[in-house]
Each structure stands twice: as structure tokens, then as C-alpha cells.
Amino acid sequence: VFFCAWSYPHRITAVLAMGLVFTKIWERLATKQEMRILMVGLDAAGKTTILYKFKLGEVVTTTPTVGFNVETVEYRNLSFNVWDVGGQ
């Protein structure tokens, strides 16, 4: 007795769903995604230091933030638009 996988409708649905899963995974891995991050916290908590550590890869001396800092940080296929809002 020969059974064809395509002779059952529920198997066709499963195969199509599996193909859709692979497509979604590939899109996430292959395409560049943009994300936004808002950093808020108390004064002198290290928000600006963390931002520039991610951006430059080294710790820099910072002054108190008046207003906000906006930087774009690239990592693999992700692009983070980071907003660092001053405390108070």
C-alpha cells in the first residue's frame, strides 16, 4: 500500500506552515532591523556612559546630560536608535 504525503490535507497545511516559519526566520536573520531604545533613570546613574560604551567600545568621561543624547548603535544586522534622556 502506497501513501502519498500530499494526499492528506492536514499534512499540506503542516508543510506550508513549516515553510512560513523558515521564511520568517530567514527574514529576521538576513534583513537589517531598526529598533528604538529610550534610556531613562536617575541623575548620575550611568546612562550616558553605557550609551557611549556601546557606541565607541570604550568608557569615556562624560558631563551631566542637559536635555538628551541620540546615537545610532550598529550590532550585526540590528540598528539601535538610542535616546539618552537626562535625569531629574
C-alpha atoms as a PDB file:
ATOM      1  CA  VAL A   1       0.000   0.000   0.000  1.00  0.00           C
ATOM      2  CA  PHE A   2       1.431   3.388  -1.026  1.00  0.00           C
ATOM      3  CA  PHE A   3       0.515   6.550   0.888  1.00  0.00           C
ATOM      4  CA  CYS A   4       1.413   9.907  -0.550  1.00  0.00           C
ATOM      5  CA  ALA A   5       2.159  12.699   1.914  1.00  0.00           C
ATOM      6  CA  TRP A   6       0.233  15.111  -0.274  1.00  0.00           C
ATOM      7  CA  SER A   7      -2.927  13.028  -0.169  1.00  0.00           C
ATOM      8  CA  TYR A   8      -3.735  14.308   3.314  1.00  0.00           C
ATOM      9  CA  PRO A   9      -4.850  17.963   3.594  1.00  0.00           C
ATOM     10  CA  HIS A  10      -3.547  18.364   7.157  1.00  0.00           C
ATOM     11  CA  ARG A  11      -0.035  17.416   6.001  1.00  0.00           C
ATOM     12  CA  ILE A  12      -0.142  20.051   3.276  1.00  0.00           C
ATOM     13  CA  THR A  13      -1.025  22.637   5.913  1.00  0.00           C
ATOM     14  CA  ALA A  14       1.861  21.462   8.102  1.00  0.00           C
ATOM     15  CA  VAL A  15       4.335  21.684   5.196  1.00  0.00           C
ATOM     16  CA  LEU A  16       3.148  25.195   4.297  1.00  0.00           C
ATOM     17  CA  ALA A  17       3.361  26.303   7.936  1.00  0.00           C
ATOM     18  CA  MET A  18       6.897  24.934   8.193  1.00  0.00           C
ATOM     19  CA  GLY A  19       7.885  26.833   5.046  1.00  0.00           C
ATOM     20  CA  LEU A  20       6.411  30.010   6.521  1.00  0.00           C
ATOM     21  CA  VAL A  21       8.433  29.528   9.717  1.00  0.00           C
ATOM     22  CA  PHE A  22      11.667  29.166   7.739  1.00  0.00           C
ATOM     23  CA  THR A  23      10.811  32.266   5.709  1.00  0.00           C
ATOM     24  CA  LYS A  24      10.211  34.351   8.841  1.00  0.00           C
ATOM     25  CA  ILE A  25      13.472  33.146  10.431  1.00  0.00           C
ATOM     26  CA  TRP A  26      15.424  33.925   7.253  1.00  0.00           C
ATOM     27  CA  GLU A  27      13.888  37.418   7.034  1.00  0.00           C
ATOM     28  CA  ARG A  28      14.954  38.174  10.613  1.00  0.00           C
ATOM     29  CA  LEU A  29      18.491  36.912  10.028  1.00  0.00           C
ATOM     30  CA  ALA A  30      19.059  38.444   6.606  1.00  0.00           C
ATOM     31  CA  THR A  31      17.385  41.845   6.794  1.00  0.00           C
ATOM     32  CA  LYS A  32      18.520  44.823   8.795  1.00  0.00           C
ATOM     33  CA  GLN A  33      16.147  45.760  11.569  1.00  0.00           C
ATOM     34  CA  GLU A  34      15.812  49.101  13.312  1.00  0.00           C
ATOM     35  CA  MET A  35      14.897  49.337  16.965  1.00  0.00           C
ATOM     36  CA  ARG A  36      14.471  52.284  19.304  1.00  0.00           C
ATOM     37  CA  ILE A  37      15.640  52.352  22.902  1.00  0.00           C
ATOM     38  CA  LEU A  38      14.772  55.037  25.445  1.00  0.00           C
ATOM     39  CA  MET A  39      17.162  55.194  28.397  1.00  0.00           C
ATOM     40  CA  VAL A  40      15.756  56.958  31.448  1.00  0.00           C
ATOM     41  CA  GLY A  41      16.929  56.939  35.042  1.00  0.00           C
ATOM     42  CA  LEU A  42      18.162  58.997  37.947  1.00  0.00           C
ATOM     43  CA  ASP A  43      20.951  61.569  37.736  1.00  0.00           C
ATOM     44  CA  ALA A  44      24.470  60.113  37.606  1.00  0.00           C
ATOM     45  CA  ALA A  45      23.143  56.575  37.071  1.00  0.00           C
ATOM     46  CA  GLY A  46      25.459  55.872  34.107  1.00  0.00           C
ATOM     47  CA  LYS A  47      23.050  56.137  31.182  1.00  0.00           C
ATOM     48  CA  THR A  48      25.374  58.239  29.031  1.00  0.00           C
ATOM     49  CA  THR A  49      28.386  56.096  29.965  1.00  0.00           C
ATOM     50  CA  ILE A  50      26.546  52.943  28.850  1.00  0.00           C
ATOM     51  CA  LEU A  51      25.439  54.637  25.612  1.00  0.00           C
ATOM     52  CA  TYR A  52      28.970  55.646  24.648  1.00  0.00           C
ATOM     53  CA  LYS A  53      30.391  52.263  25.732  1.00  0.00           C
ATOM     54  CA  PHE A  54      28.052  50.615  23.210  1.00  0.00           C
ATOM     55  CA  LYS A  55      28.737  53.235  20.531  1.00  0.00           C
ATOM     56  CA  LEU A  56      32.527  53.613  20.834  1.00  0.00           C
ATOM     57  CA  GLY A  57      33.503  50.408  22.605  1.00  0.00           C
ATOM     58  CA  GLU A  58      35.314  52.263  25.378  1.00  0.00           C
ATOM     59  CA  VAL A  59      34.413  54.144  28.530  1.00  0.00           C
ATOM     60  CA  VAL A  60      34.639  57.912  28.086  1.00  0.00           C
ATOM     61  CA  THR A  61      34.439  60.727  30.612  1.00  0.00           C
ATOM     62  CA  THR A  62      31.050  62.382  30.360  1.00  0.00           C
ATOM     63  CA  THR A  63      29.447  65.522  31.693  1.00  0.00           C
ATOM     64  CA  PRO A  64      25.902  65.711  33.063  1.00  0.00           C
ATOM     65  CA  THR A  65      23.387  65.457  30.237  1.00  0.00           C
ATOM     66  CA  VAL A  66      21.319  68.583  29.641  1.00  0.00           C
ATOM     67  CA  GLY A  67      18.354  67.582  27.510  1.00  0.00           C
ATOM     68  CA  PHE A  68      19.125  64.342  25.667  1.00  0.00           C
ATOM     69  CA  ASN A  69      21.674  62.452  23.561  1.00  0.00           C
ATOM     70  CA  VAL A  70      20.697  60.479  20.467  1.00  0.00           C
ATOM     71  CA  GLU A  71      23.081  57.926  18.952  1.00  0.00           C
ATOM     72  CA  THR A  72      22.744  55.076  16.474  1.00  0.00           C
ATOM     73  CA  VAL A  73      24.458  51.856  17.516  1.00  0.00           C
ATOM     74  CA  GLU A  74      25.009  49.074  14.950  1.00  0.00           C
ATOM     75  CA  TYR A  75      25.266  45.426  16.014  1.00  0.00           C
ATOM     76  CA  ARG A  76      25.211  42.617  13.424  1.00  0.00           C
ATOM     77  CA  ASN A  77      22.015  43.146  11.438  1.00  0.00           C
ATOM     78  CA  LEU A  78      20.426  45.391  14.083  1.00  0.00           C
ATOM     79  CA  SER A  79      20.424  49.167  14.184  1.00  0.00           C
ATOM     80  CA  PHE A  80      19.551  50.665  17.571  1.00  0.00           C
ATOM     81  CA  ASN A  81      18.448  54.281  17.755  1.00  0.00           C
ATOM     82  CA  VAL A  82      19.210  55.054  21.424  1.00  0.00           C
ATOM     83  CA  TRP A  83      17.781  58.105  23.181  1.00  0.00           C
ATOM     84  CA  ASP A  84      19.510  59.004  26.441  1.00  0.00           C
ATOM     85  CA  VAL A  85      17.311  61.393  28.403  1.00  0.00           C
ATOM     86  CA  GLY A  86      18.873  63.463  31.181  1.00  0.00           C
ATOM     87  CA  GLY A  87      17.814  62.710  34.758  1.00  0.00           C
ATOM     88  CA  GLN A  88      15.743  64.764  37.237  1.00  0.00           C
END
